[in-house]
Amino acid sequence: MKEKISKLWSKNWVQFTGRTLFYFLVLMLLIYLYHYRNIQGGTFIYNEF
């Protein structure tokens, strides 16, 4: 099983797709967490300057 995963991960398109999905999920998580910063929801980032 480990060999199949490492053989599949060695392909460039699999690495690109996997990393793209990972970074997309991290970005969505950060946006979600920023939005629920307080009880009224998030504020626009530049309103506080």
N, C-alpha and C. Protein backbone atom coordinates (compact mmCIF):
# COMPACT_ATOMS: atom_id res chain seq x y z
N MET A 1 0.83 -1.20 0.00
CA MET A 1 0.00 0.00 0.00
C MET A 1 0.87 1.26 0.00
N LYS A 2 1.91 1.23 0.83
CA LYS A 2 2.80 2.38 0.90
C LYS A 2 3.52 2.61 -0.43
N GLU A 3 3.87 1.52 -1.10
CA GLU A 3 4.55 1.63 -2.39
C GLU A 3 3.63 2.22 -3.45
N LYS A 4 2.36 1.82 -3.42
CA LYS A 4 1.40 2.36 -4.40
C LYS A 4 1.23 3.86 -4.22
N ILE A 5 1.15 4.30 -2.96
CA ILE A 5 0.97 5.73 -2.68
C ILE A 5 2.20 6.51 -3.11
N SER A 6 3.40 6.01 -2.79
CA SER A 6 4.61 6.73 -3.18
C SER A 6 4.81 6.72 -4.69
N LYS A 7 4.39 5.64 -5.36
CA LYS A 7 4.49 5.59 -6.82
C LYS A 7 3.52 6.58 -7.45
N LEU A 8 2.31 6.67 -6.89
CA LEU A 8 1.33 7.62 -7.40
C LEU A 8 1.76 9.06 -7.13
N TRP A 9 2.33 9.30 -5.93
CA TRP A 9 2.74 10.67 -5.55
C TRP A 9 3.92 11.15 -6.38
N SER A 10 4.66 10.25 -6.99
CA SER A 10 5.82 10.65 -7.78
C SER A 10 5.42 11.29 -9.11
N LYS A 11 4.16 11.17 -9.49
CA LYS A 11 3.70 11.80 -10.73
C LYS A 11 3.43 13.28 -10.48
N ASN A 12 3.85 14.11 -11.43
CA ASN A 12 3.75 15.55 -11.27
C ASN A 12 2.32 16.04 -11.15
N TRP A 13 1.41 15.50 -11.93
CA TRP A 13 0.03 15.99 -11.91
C TRP A 13 -0.65 15.64 -10.59
N VAL A 14 -0.26 14.53 -9.97
CA VAL A 14 -0.83 14.16 -8.68
C VAL A 14 -0.32 15.10 -7.60
N GLN A 15 0.96 15.43 -7.64
CA GLN A 15 1.52 16.37 -6.67
C GLN A 15 0.86 17.74 -6.81
N PHE A 16 0.72 18.21 -8.04
CA PHE A 16 0.12 19.52 -8.27
C PHE A 16 -1.33 19.55 -7.76
N THR A 17 -2.10 18.52 -8.10
CA THR A 17 -3.50 18.47 -7.68
C THR A 17 -3.62 18.35 -6.16
N GLY A 18 -2.81 17.51 -5.56
CA GLY A 18 -2.85 17.32 -4.12
C GLY A 18 -2.48 18.59 -3.37
N ARG A 19 -1.42 19.24 -3.80
CA ARG A 19 -1.01 20.48 -3.13
C ARG A 19 -2.01 21.60 -3.36
N THR A 20 -2.59 21.67 -4.55
CA THR A 20 -3.60 22.69 -4.82
C THR A 20 -4.82 22.51 -3.92
N LEU A 21 -5.29 21.28 -3.80
CA LEU A 21 -6.42 21.01 -2.91
C LEU A 21 -6.08 21.31 -1.46
N PHE A 22 -4.87 20.96 -1.03
CA PHE A 22 -4.46 21.23 0.34
C PHE A 22 -4.44 22.73 0.62
N TYR A 23 -3.83 23.52 -0.25
CA TYR A 23 -3.76 24.96 -0.04
C TYR A 23 -5.13 25.62 -0.14
N PHE A 24 -5.99 25.10 -1.00
CA PHE A 24 -7.35 25.62 -1.10
C PHE A 24 -8.10 25.38 0.21
N LEU A 25 -7.96 24.18 0.77
CA LEU A 25 -8.63 23.87 2.03
C LEU A 25 -8.09 24.73 3.17
N VAL A 26 -6.79 24.98 3.21
CA VAL A 26 -6.21 25.84 4.24
C VAL A 26 -6.74 27.26 4.09
N LEU A 27 -6.82 27.75 2.87
CA LEU A 27 -7.33 29.09 2.63
C LEU A 27 -8.79 29.21 3.04
N MET A 28 -9.61 28.21 2.70
CA MET A 28 -11.02 28.23 3.09
C MET A 28 -11.17 28.17 4.61
N LEU A 29 -10.33 27.40 5.27
CA LEU A 29 -10.37 27.32 6.73
C LEU A 29 -10.01 28.67 7.35
N LEU A 30 -9.00 29.34 6.82
CA LEU A 30 -8.62 30.64 7.35
C LEU A 30 -9.71 31.68 7.13
N ILE A 31 -10.35 31.66 5.97
CA ILE A 31 -11.45 32.59 5.71
C ILE A 31 -12.61 32.30 6.64
N TYR A 32 -12.90 31.04 6.86
CA TYR A 32 -13.99 30.64 7.76
C TYR A 32 -13.71 31.10 9.18
N LEU A 33 -12.49 30.89 9.64
CA LEU A 33 -12.14 31.30 11.00
C LEU A 33 -12.13 32.82 11.14
N TYR A 34 -11.70 33.54 10.13
CA TYR A 34 -11.70 35.00 10.20
C TYR A 34 -13.12 35.54 10.20
N HIS A 35 -14.00 34.90 9.45
CA HIS A 35 -15.37 35.37 9.35
C HIS A 35 -16.09 35.28 10.70
N TYR A 36 -15.82 34.25 11.46
CA TYR A 36 -16.49 34.07 12.75
C TYR A 36 -15.63 34.54 13.91
N ARG A 37 -14.93 35.63 13.69
CA ARG A 37 -14.06 36.18 14.72
C ARG A 37 -14.86 36.69 15.90
N ASN A 38 -16.00 37.29 15.65
CA ASN A 38 -16.85 37.76 16.74
C ASN A 38 -18.29 37.33 16.46
N ILE A 39 -19.20 37.72 17.32
CA ILE A 39 -20.58 37.21 17.23
C ILE A 39 -21.34 37.78 16.02
N GLN A 40 -20.97 38.96 15.53
CA GLN A 40 -21.65 39.54 14.37
C GLN A 40 -21.05 39.08 13.05
N GLY A 41 -20.03 38.30 13.10
CA GLY A 41 -19.35 37.89 11.87
C GLY A 41 -18.12 38.75 11.67
N GLY A 42 -17.36 38.45 10.66
CA GLY A 42 -16.12 39.16 10.42
C GLY A 42 -16.34 40.55 9.86
N THR A 43 -15.34 41.37 10.05
CA THR A 43 -15.33 42.70 9.46
C THR A 43 -14.36 42.70 8.29
N PHE A 44 -14.54 43.66 7.43
CA PHE A 44 -13.61 43.77 6.31
C PHE A 44 -12.25 44.17 6.86
N ILE A 45 -11.18 43.59 6.35
CA ILE A 45 -9.86 43.73 6.96
C ILE A 45 -9.37 45.18 6.96
N TYR A 46 -9.77 46.00 6.00
CA TYR A 46 -9.25 47.35 5.91
C TYR A 46 -10.12 48.37 6.64
N ASN A 47 -11.19 47.95 7.28
CA ASN A 47 -12.03 48.90 8.00
C ASN A 47 -11.36 49.40 9.27
N GLU A 48 -10.40 48.70 9.80
CA GLU A 48 -9.79 49.08 11.06
C GLU A 48 -8.61 49.99 10.90
N PHE A 49 -8.20 50.34 9.70
CA PHE A 49 -7.06 51.23 9.50
C PHE A 49 -7.49 52.67 9.51
